[in-house]
Amino acid sequence: MKIVAVTACPTGIAHTYMAADVLVKAASKYNLKIKVETQGAMGIENILSSQEISQADKILIVSDIEIAQGERFNNYQIIKVSIEDVLRNPDRVLHLHC
């Protein structure tokens, strides 16, 4: 299964990157392929291409704020998850949604 995700938090510092890290680690335990775009204080990093988005089996938006360039996902079914949920239990998030 291919998953793409975007992580973003209000301050764009720690939680954005922590959520990306825990998602990658949890996905590897279940042999899921994941690419995570971070939208933090440094801007958009590891940006998802339109091809990666269109080929994804699941799209996660892990954020409590509006993400930048969100229109890229308008024609797709997305799953919105709070940063806190991912940080507290990334395994549960992946099991529920993937």
N, C-alpha and C. Protein backbone atom coordinates (compact mmCIF):
# COMPACT_ATOMS: atom_id res chain seq x y z
N MET A 1 0.84 -1.18 0.00
CA MET A 1 0.00 0.00 0.00
C MET A 1 0.88 1.23 0.00
N LYS A 2 0.53 2.19 -0.84
CA LYS A 2 1.25 3.46 -0.91
C LYS A 2 0.46 4.53 -0.19
N ILE A 3 1.13 5.20 0.71
CA ILE A 3 0.52 6.28 1.48
C ILE A 3 1.32 7.55 1.25
N VAL A 4 0.61 8.66 1.08
CA VAL A 4 1.25 9.96 1.11
C VAL A 4 0.61 10.74 2.24
N ALA A 5 1.40 11.60 2.85
CA ALA A 5 0.89 12.36 3.99
C ALA A 5 1.50 13.76 3.96
N VAL A 6 0.76 14.68 4.57
CA VAL A 6 1.25 16.04 4.79
C VAL A 6 1.13 16.29 6.28
N THR A 7 2.21 16.77 6.90
CA THR A 7 2.15 17.14 8.31
C THR A 7 2.38 18.64 8.44
N ALA A 8 1.61 19.26 9.32
CA ALA A 8 1.75 20.70 9.57
C ALA A 8 1.17 21.00 10.94
N CYS A 9 1.80 21.93 11.65
CA CYS A 9 1.29 22.35 12.95
C CYS A 9 1.31 23.88 13.02
N PRO A 10 0.62 24.46 13.98
CA PRO A 10 0.51 25.92 14.04
C PRO A 10 1.85 26.66 14.08
N THR A 11 2.82 26.15 14.82
CA THR A 11 4.10 26.85 14.91
C THR A 11 5.09 26.38 13.85
N GLY A 12 4.85 25.20 13.29
CA GLY A 12 5.70 24.70 12.21
C GLY A 12 7.09 24.29 12.65
N ILE A 13 7.23 23.97 13.91
CA ILE A 13 8.56 23.61 14.38
C ILE A 13 8.58 22.13 14.75
N ALA A 14 8.43 21.81 15.99
CA ALA A 14 8.66 20.44 16.44
C ALA A 14 7.62 19.43 15.98
N HIS A 15 6.35 19.69 16.21
CA HIS A 15 5.32 18.68 15.97
C HIS A 15 5.19 18.28 14.51
N THR A 16 5.41 19.20 13.61
CA THR A 16 5.36 18.89 12.17
C THR A 16 6.34 17.76 11.85
N TYR A 17 7.56 17.92 12.31
CA TYR A 17 8.63 16.96 12.00
C TYR A 17 8.53 15.70 12.84
N MET A 18 8.09 15.84 14.09
CA MET A 18 7.91 14.66 14.94
C MET A 18 6.83 13.75 14.36
N ALA A 19 5.73 14.33 13.88
CA ALA A 19 4.65 13.54 13.30
C ALA A 19 5.14 12.81 12.05
N ALA A 20 5.91 13.49 11.23
CA ALA A 20 6.46 12.85 10.03
C ALA A 20 7.34 11.66 10.41
N ASP A 21 8.19 11.85 11.39
CA ASP A 21 9.09 10.77 11.82
C ASP A 21 8.34 9.56 12.36
N VAL A 22 7.34 9.78 13.20
CA VAL A 22 6.63 8.64 13.77
C VAL A 22 5.80 7.91 12.71
N LEU A 23 5.27 8.64 11.73
CA LEU A 23 4.55 7.98 10.65
C LEU A 23 5.47 7.08 9.83
N VAL A 24 6.64 7.57 9.52
CA VAL A 24 7.60 6.78 8.73
C VAL A 24 8.00 5.53 9.50
N LYS A 25 8.28 5.68 10.78
CA LYS A 25 8.68 4.52 11.60
C LYS A 25 7.55 3.51 11.72
N ALA A 26 6.33 3.99 11.96
CA ALA A 26 5.19 3.07 12.10
C ALA A 26 4.90 2.37 10.77
N ALA A 27 4.97 3.09 9.68
CA ALA A 27 4.69 2.49 8.36
C ALA A 27 5.68 1.38 8.05
N SER A 28 6.93 1.58 8.42
CA SER A 28 7.95 0.57 8.12
C SER A 28 7.67 -0.74 8.87
N LYS A 29 7.07 -0.65 10.04
CA LYS A 29 6.74 -1.86 10.80
C LYS A 29 5.71 -2.72 10.08
N TYR A 30 4.87 -2.08 9.28
CA TYR A 30 3.78 -2.79 8.61
C TYR A 30 4.03 -2.92 7.10
N ASN A 31 5.26 -2.68 6.69
CA ASN A 31 5.65 -2.77 5.27
C ASN A 31 4.78 -1.89 4.37
N LEU A 32 4.42 -0.73 4.87
CA LEU A 32 3.69 0.25 4.08
C LEU A 32 4.68 1.24 3.48
N LYS A 33 4.47 1.62 2.24
CA LYS A 33 5.30 2.64 1.62
C LYS A 33 4.68 3.98 1.92
N ILE A 34 5.49 4.91 2.43
CA ILE A 34 4.96 6.22 2.78
C ILE A 34 5.94 7.31 2.38
N LYS A 35 5.38 8.42 1.94
CA LYS A 35 6.16 9.63 1.71
C LYS A 35 5.43 10.74 2.45
N VAL A 36 6.17 11.50 3.24
CA VAL A 36 5.57 12.55 4.05
C VAL A 36 6.13 13.90 3.65
N GLU A 37 5.23 14.78 3.28
CA GLU A 37 5.58 16.18 3.02
C GLU A 37 5.41 16.94 4.32
N THR A 38 6.41 17.74 4.68
CA THR A 38 6.29 18.55 5.89
C THR A 38 6.09 20.01 5.49
N GLN A 39 5.20 20.67 6.21
CA GLN A 39 4.96 22.09 6.01
C GLN A 39 5.24 22.77 7.34
N GLY A 40 6.50 23.17 7.50
CA GLY A 40 6.92 23.74 8.77
C GLY A 40 7.53 25.11 8.61
N ALA A 41 8.30 25.49 9.58
CA ALA A 41 8.93 26.80 9.60
C ALA A 41 9.89 27.00 8.43
N MET A 42 10.39 25.91 7.88
CA MET A 42 11.31 25.98 6.75
C MET A 42 10.57 25.98 5.41
N GLY A 43 9.25 26.03 5.45
CA GLY A 43 8.45 25.97 4.23
C GLY A 43 8.05 24.53 3.93
N ILE A 44 7.68 24.29 2.68
CA ILE A 44 7.28 22.94 2.28
C ILE A 44 8.53 22.16 1.92
N GLU A 45 8.69 21.02 2.57
CA GLU A 45 9.84 20.15 2.30
C GLU A 45 9.34 18.77 1.91
N ASN A 46 10.11 18.09 1.08
CA ASN A 46 9.77 16.75 0.62
C ASN A 46 8.41 16.78 -0.10
N ILE A 47 8.23 17.78 -0.94
CA ILE A 47 6.93 18.05 -1.58
C ILE A 47 6.44 16.84 -2.39
N LEU A 48 5.16 16.58 -2.26
CA LEU A 48 4.53 15.48 -2.98
C LEU A 48 4.24 15.92 -4.41
N SER A 49 4.61 15.08 -5.36
CA SER A 49 4.33 15.38 -6.76
C SER A 49 2.88 15.00 -7.07
N SER A 50 2.35 15.52 -8.15
CA SER A 50 0.99 15.16 -8.56
C SER A 50 0.91 13.67 -8.87
N GLN A 51 1.97 13.10 -9.39
CA GLN A 51 1.99 11.66 -9.69
C GLN A 51 1.94 10.85 -8.39
N GLU A 52 2.71 11.25 -7.38
CA GLU A 52 2.69 10.53 -6.10
C GLU A 52 1.30 10.59 -5.46
N ILE A 53 0.68 11.75 -5.57
CA ILE A 53 -0.66 11.91 -5.00
C ILE A 53 -1.65 11.02 -5.74
N SER A 54 -1.60 11.04 -7.06
CA SER A 54 -2.58 10.26 -7.84
C SER A 54 -2.38 8.76 -7.69
N GLN A 55 -1.17 8.31 -7.41
CA GLN A 55 -0.90 6.89 -7.29
C GLN A 55 -1.05 6.36 -5.86
N ALA A 56 -1.33 7.25 -4.93
CA ALA A 56 -1.44 6.83 -3.53
C ALA A 56 -2.74 6.06 -3.28
N ASP A 57 -2.63 5.06 -2.44
CA ASP A 57 -3.82 4.33 -2.00
C ASP A 57 -4.55 5.10 -0.91
N LYS A 58 -3.79 5.81 -0.09
CA LYS A 58 -4.36 6.62 0.99
C LYS A 58 -3.61 7.95 1.06
N ILE A 59 -4.36 9.00 1.38
CA ILE A 59 -3.78 10.33 1.56
C ILE A 59 -4.16 10.81 2.95
N LEU A 60 -3.15 11.05 3.77
CA LEU A 60 -3.36 11.55 5.13
C LEU A 60 -2.97 13.01 5.22
N ILE A 61 -3.84 13.82 5.79
CA ILE A 61 -3.49 15.19 6.13
C ILE A 61 -3.43 15.23 7.65
N VAL A 62 -2.23 15.37 8.17
CA VAL A 62 -2.00 15.34 9.61
C VAL A 62 -1.74 16.77 10.04
N SER A 63 -2.81 17.44 10.45
CA SER A 63 -2.70 18.86 10.73
C SER A 63 -3.93 19.35 11.48
N ASP A 64 -3.72 20.36 12.29
CA ASP A 64 -4.83 21.04 12.96
C ASP A 64 -5.03 22.43 12.37
N ILE A 65 -4.31 22.72 11.30
CA ILE A 65 -4.42 24.00 10.59
C ILE A 65 -4.65 23.71 9.11
N GLU A 66 -5.00 24.74 8.37
CA GLU A 66 -5.14 24.57 6.92
C GLU A 66 -3.75 24.44 6.31
N ILE A 67 -3.59 23.46 5.44
CA ILE A 67 -2.28 23.25 4.83
C ILE A 67 -2.12 24.14 3.60
N ALA A 68 -0.89 24.42 3.25
CA ALA A 68 -0.58 25.18 2.04
C ALA A 68 -0.80 24.29 0.82
N GLN A 69 -1.23 24.87 -0.25
CA GLN A 69 -1.44 24.16 -1.51
C GLN A 69 -2.40 22.99 -1.37
N GLY A 70 -3.37 23.13 -0.51
CA GLY A 70 -4.34 22.07 -0.27
C GLY A 70 -5.18 21.72 -1.48
N GLU A 71 -5.26 22.62 -2.43
CA GLU A 71 -6.06 22.36 -3.64
C GLU A 71 -5.53 21.17 -4.44
N ARG A 72 -4.30 20.78 -4.21
CA ARG A 72 -3.74 19.60 -4.89
C ARG A 72 -4.51 18.33 -4.57
N PHE A 73 -5.24 18.35 -3.47
CA PHE A 73 -5.95 17.16 -3.00
C PHE A 73 -7.46 17.24 -3.24
N ASN A 74 -7.93 18.27 -3.94
CA ASN A 74 -9.37 18.49 -4.12
C ASN A 74 -10.10 17.32 -4.77
N ASN A 75 -9.49 16.63 -5.68
CA ASN A 75 -10.17 15.55 -6.40
C ASN A 75 -9.93 14.17 -5.79
N TYR A 76 -9.42 14.15 -4.58
CA TYR A 76 -9.08 12.88 -3.94
C TYR A 76 -9.76 12.77 -2.58
N GLN A 77 -9.95 11.54 -2.17
CA GLN A 77 -10.47 11.30 -0.83
C GLN A 77 -9.29 11.40 0.14
N ILE A 78 -9.40 12.29 1.09
CA ILE A 78 -8.33 12.45 2.07
C ILE A 78 -8.83 12.05 3.45
N ILE A 79 -7.89 11.69 4.28
CA ILE A 79 -8.18 11.36 5.66
C ILE A 79 -7.49 12.41 6.52
N LYS A 80 -8.28 13.14 7.29
CA LYS A 80 -7.71 14.18 8.17
C LYS A 80 -7.52 13.59 9.57
N VAL A 81 -6.33 13.83 10.09
CA VAL A 81 -5.96 13.31 11.40
C VAL A 81 -5.26 14.43 12.16
N SER A 82 -5.51 14.53 13.44
CA SER A 82 -4.84 15.57 14.22
C SER A 82 -3.39 15.18 14.50
N ILE A 83 -2.57 16.17 14.64
CA ILE A 83 -1.16 15.96 15.00
C ILE A 83 -1.07 15.16 16.30
N GLU A 84 -1.90 15.53 17.26
CA GLU A 84 -1.86 14.87 18.57
C GLU A 84 -2.15 13.37 18.45
N ASP A 85 -3.13 13.00 17.63
CA ASP A 85 -3.45 11.58 17.46
C ASP A 85 -2.25 10.81 16.90
N VAL A 86 -1.58 11.38 15.93
CA VAL A 86 -0.42 10.71 15.34
C VAL A 86 0.72 10.61 16.34
N LEU A 87 0.97 11.67 17.08
CA LEU A 87 2.07 11.65 18.04
C LEU A 87 1.80 10.67 19.19
N ARG A 88 0.56 10.57 19.59
CA ARG A 88 0.22 9.68 20.71
C ARG A 88 0.20 8.21 20.30
N ASN A 89 -0.32 7.94 19.09
CA ASN A 89 -0.44 6.53 18.70
C ASN A 89 -0.44 6.38 17.18
N PRO A 90 0.71 6.48 16.57
CA PRO A 90 0.78 6.36 15.10
C PRO A 90 0.35 4.98 14.60
N ASP A 91 0.61 3.94 15.38
CA ASP A 91 0.19 2.59 14.97
C ASP A 91 -1.33 2.51 14.85
N ARG A 92 -2.01 3.09 15.80
CA ARG A 92 -3.48 3.08 15.78
C ARG A 92 -4.00 3.85 14.58
N VAL A 93 -3.41 5.00 14.29
CA VAL A 93 -3.83 5.81 13.15
C VAL A 93 -3.69 5.00 11.85
N LEU A 94 -2.56 4.34 11.69
CA LEU A 94 -2.37 3.55 10.48
C LEU A 94 -3.33 2.37 10.41
N HIS A 95 -3.59 1.73 11.54
CA HIS A 95 -4.51 0.59 11.54
C HIS A 95 -5.94 1.04 11.22
N LEU A 96 -6.35 2.18 11.74
CA LEU A 96 -7.72 2.66 11.51
C LEU A 96 -7.93 3.11 10.06
N HIS A 97 -6.92 3.71 9.48
CA HIS A 97 -7.11 4.37 8.19
C HIS A 97 -6.42 3.68 7.01
N CYS A 98 -5.51 2.79 7.30
CA CYS A 98 -4.77 2.17 6.20
C CYS A 98 -4.91 0.69 6.30
